[in-house]
C-alpha cells in the first residue's frame, strides 16, 4: 500500500452550499470550513467528502459525452422512495424519468450526478436499526 484515501474532492461554485446539501443527505457534519474548501466528515480527524471552489465550474450534463459526469456518488438508502422525496426537498433534481427505485439518478445543487441505491442484503441498515 502506498497511501490511503483522504478526501474525495468535488469542484463546485459554492463549497459551503454544496457541503451543506451533502451533509444533510449523508447525515454527516461539516468538519472543516474555509471560504474555498469545505469538508463533510464525522469529525476533524476523519477523511470525507470535500468541496473546493471552482469559479469556472461547468456542471456535467447527464447523458451528454461533451459534458460527461466527471464523477458520481452512489448513496445507499433503506427506502428509495423516502430518500427520493428527501433529496428533492434538499435541492436535488431528478435526471431520470423512471419510477423511484428504478434507476434513480439525481443532480446535486451544483449539477453533479448521484444515484440512490437500495441497501444490499449484506449491508447493515442505514438508519442504524437492526432490521
Protein backbone atom coordinates (compact mmCIF):
# COMPACT_ATOMS: atom_id res chain seq x y z
CA UNK A 1 0.00 0.00 0.00
CA UNK A 2 1.30 3.44 -0.89
CA UNK A 3 -1.35 5.52 0.79
CA UNK A 4 -4.92 5.80 2.00
CA UNK A 5 -7.74 7.84 0.51
CA UNK A 6 -8.03 11.12 2.38
CA UNK A 7 -10.84 13.09 0.73
CA UNK A 8 -12.85 12.80 -2.43
CA UNK A 9 -12.79 16.40 -3.65
CA UNK A 10 -15.62 17.83 -5.74
CA UNK A 11 -15.24 21.06 -7.70
CA UNK A 12 -18.18 23.44 -7.40
CA UNK A 13 -19.04 27.15 -7.46
CA UNK A 14 -20.17 27.36 -3.80
CA UNK A 15 -18.40 24.90 -1.44
CA UNK A 16 -20.47 25.71 1.65
CA UNK A 17 -23.81 25.35 -0.13
CA UNK A 18 -22.87 22.03 -1.69
CA UNK A 19 -21.29 20.71 1.53
CA UNK A 20 -24.47 21.64 3.39
CA UNK A 21 -26.55 19.67 0.88
CA UNK A 22 -24.35 16.57 1.21
CA UNK A 23 -24.13 16.95 4.99
CA UNK A 24 -27.92 16.65 5.14
CA UNK A 25 -28.13 13.80 2.62
CA UNK A 26 -25.45 11.72 4.39
CA UNK A 27 -26.22 12.74 7.98
CA UNK A 28 -22.56 13.69 8.43
CA UNK A 29 -21.45 17.05 9.81
CA UNK A 30 -19.31 19.70 8.22
CA UNK A 31 -15.96 19.16 9.93
CA UNK A 32 -13.84 21.85 8.26
CA UNK A 33 -14.76 25.11 6.60
CA UNK A 34 -12.87 27.86 4.81
CA UNK A 35 -14.00 30.23 2.07
CA UNK A 36 -12.80 27.93 -0.71
CA UNK A 37 -12.80 24.43 0.83
CA UNK A 38 -15.37 22.62 2.99
CA UNK A 39 -15.23 19.04 4.30
CA UNK A 40 -18.07 16.73 5.30
CA UNK A 41 -16.71 14.03 7.65
CA UNK A 42 -17.54 12.51 11.04
CA UNK A 43 -15.08 14.92 12.68
CA UNK A 44 -11.86 16.82 12.02
CA UNK A 45 -9.78 13.66 12.35
CA UNK A 46 -11.56 11.66 9.63
CA UNK A 47 -11.39 11.72 5.87
CA UNK A 48 -14.50 12.57 3.98
CA UNK A 49 -16.13 14.32 1.09
CA UNK A 50 -14.62 17.73 0.31
CA UNK A 51 -15.87 20.61 -1.81
CA UNK A 52 -13.47 23.01 -3.49
CA UNK A 53 -14.34 26.35 -5.08
CA UNK A 54 -14.07 26.30 -8.86
CA UNK A 55 -15.34 29.66 -10.12
CA UNK A 56 -15.49 28.48 -13.75
CA UNK A 57 -17.13 25.14 -12.93
CA UNK A 58 -19.23 23.76 -15.78
CA UNK A 59 -21.64 21.16 -14.41
CA UNK A 60 -21.91 17.87 -16.25
CA UNK A 61 -24.92 17.17 -18.43
CA UNK A 62 -26.32 13.68 -17.83
CA UNK A 63 -26.00 11.56 -20.95
CA UNK A 64 -24.02 14.16 -22.93
CA UNK A 65 -20.48 12.97 -23.81
CA UNK A 66 -19.49 16.59 -24.49
CA UNK A 67 -20.00 17.34 -20.74
CA UNK A 68 -19.56 13.94 -19.02
CA UNK A 69 -20.47 13.17 -15.42
CA UNK A 70 -16.88 13.67 -14.10
CA UNK A 71 -17.76 11.61 -11.02
CA UNK A 72 -20.84 10.33 -9.30
CA UNK A 73 -21.68 9.11 -5.84
CA UNK A 74 -23.81 6.07 -5.05
CA UNK A 75 -25.81 6.76 -1.90
CA UNK A 76 -27.06 3.60 -0.17
CA UNK A 77 -30.55 4.03 1.31
CA UNK A 78 -33.01 1.84 3.22
CA UNK A 79 -36.06 3.22 1.40
CA UNK A 80 -35.54 4.64 -2.10
CA UNK A 81 -38.97 6.31 -2.28
CA UNK A 82 -38.47 8.11 1.03
CA UNK A 83 -34.93 9.15 0.08
CA UNK A 84 -36.23 10.39 -3.29
CA UNK A 85 -38.56 12.86 -1.56
CA UNK A 86 -35.90 13.94 0.92
CA UNK A 87 -33.18 14.73 -1.64
CA UNK A 88 -35.64 16.68 -3.78
CA UNK A 89 -36.62 18.73 -0.73
CA UNK A 90 -32.92 19.49 -0.12
CA UNK A 91 -32.49 20.85 -3.65
CA UNK A 92 -31.57 17.86 -5.81
CA UNK A 93 -33.20 17.43 -9.18
CA UNK A 94 -34.13 14.18 -10.86
CA UNK A 95 -32.22 13.27 -14.04
CA UNK A 96 -34.19 10.15 -14.97
CA UNK A 97 -37.88 9.70 -15.55
CA UNK A 98 -38.28 6.12 -14.31
CA UNK A 99 -40.34 5.44 -11.16
CA UNK A 100 -38.36 5.94 -7.91
CA UNK A 101 -36.33 2.81 -7.23
CA UNK A 102 -35.65 2.01 -10.90
CA UNK A 103 -32.53 3.84 -11.99
CA UNK A 104 -32.62 6.75 -9.58
CA UNK A 105 -30.18 9.36 -10.88
CA UNK A 106 -30.21 12.89 -9.49
CA UNK A 107 -28.10 16.03 -9.69
CA UNK A 108 -26.94 17.78 -6.56
CA UNK A 109 -27.40 21.58 -6.41
CA UNK A 110 -24.13 22.10 -8.36
CA UNK A 111 -25.15 19.61 -11.07
CA UNK A 112 -23.06 16.56 -10.06
CA UNK A 113 -24.92 13.30 -10.66
CA UNK A 114 -25.57 10.83 -7.86
CA UNK A 115 -27.62 7.67 -7.55
CA UNK A 116 -29.88 6.46 -4.77
CA UNK A 117 -29.33 2.73 -4.50
CA UNK A 118 -31.26 0.26 -2.33
CA UNK A 119 -29.25 -1.18 0.55
CA UNK A 120 -27.95 -4.63 -0.39
CA UNK A 121 -28.72 -7.51 1.95
CA UNK A 122 -25.12 -7.76 3.18
CA UNK A 123 -25.08 -4.18 4.47
CA UNK A 124 -26.34 -3.13 7.87
CA UNK A 125 -29.35 -0.78 7.82
CA UNK A 126 -28.51 2.81 7.04
CA UNK A 127 -30.88 4.07 9.75
CA UNK A 128 -28.92 2.15 12.43
CA UNK A 129 -31.76 -0.25 13.26
CA UNK A 130 -31.21 -4.00 13.31
CA UNK A 131 -33.96 -4.92 10.86
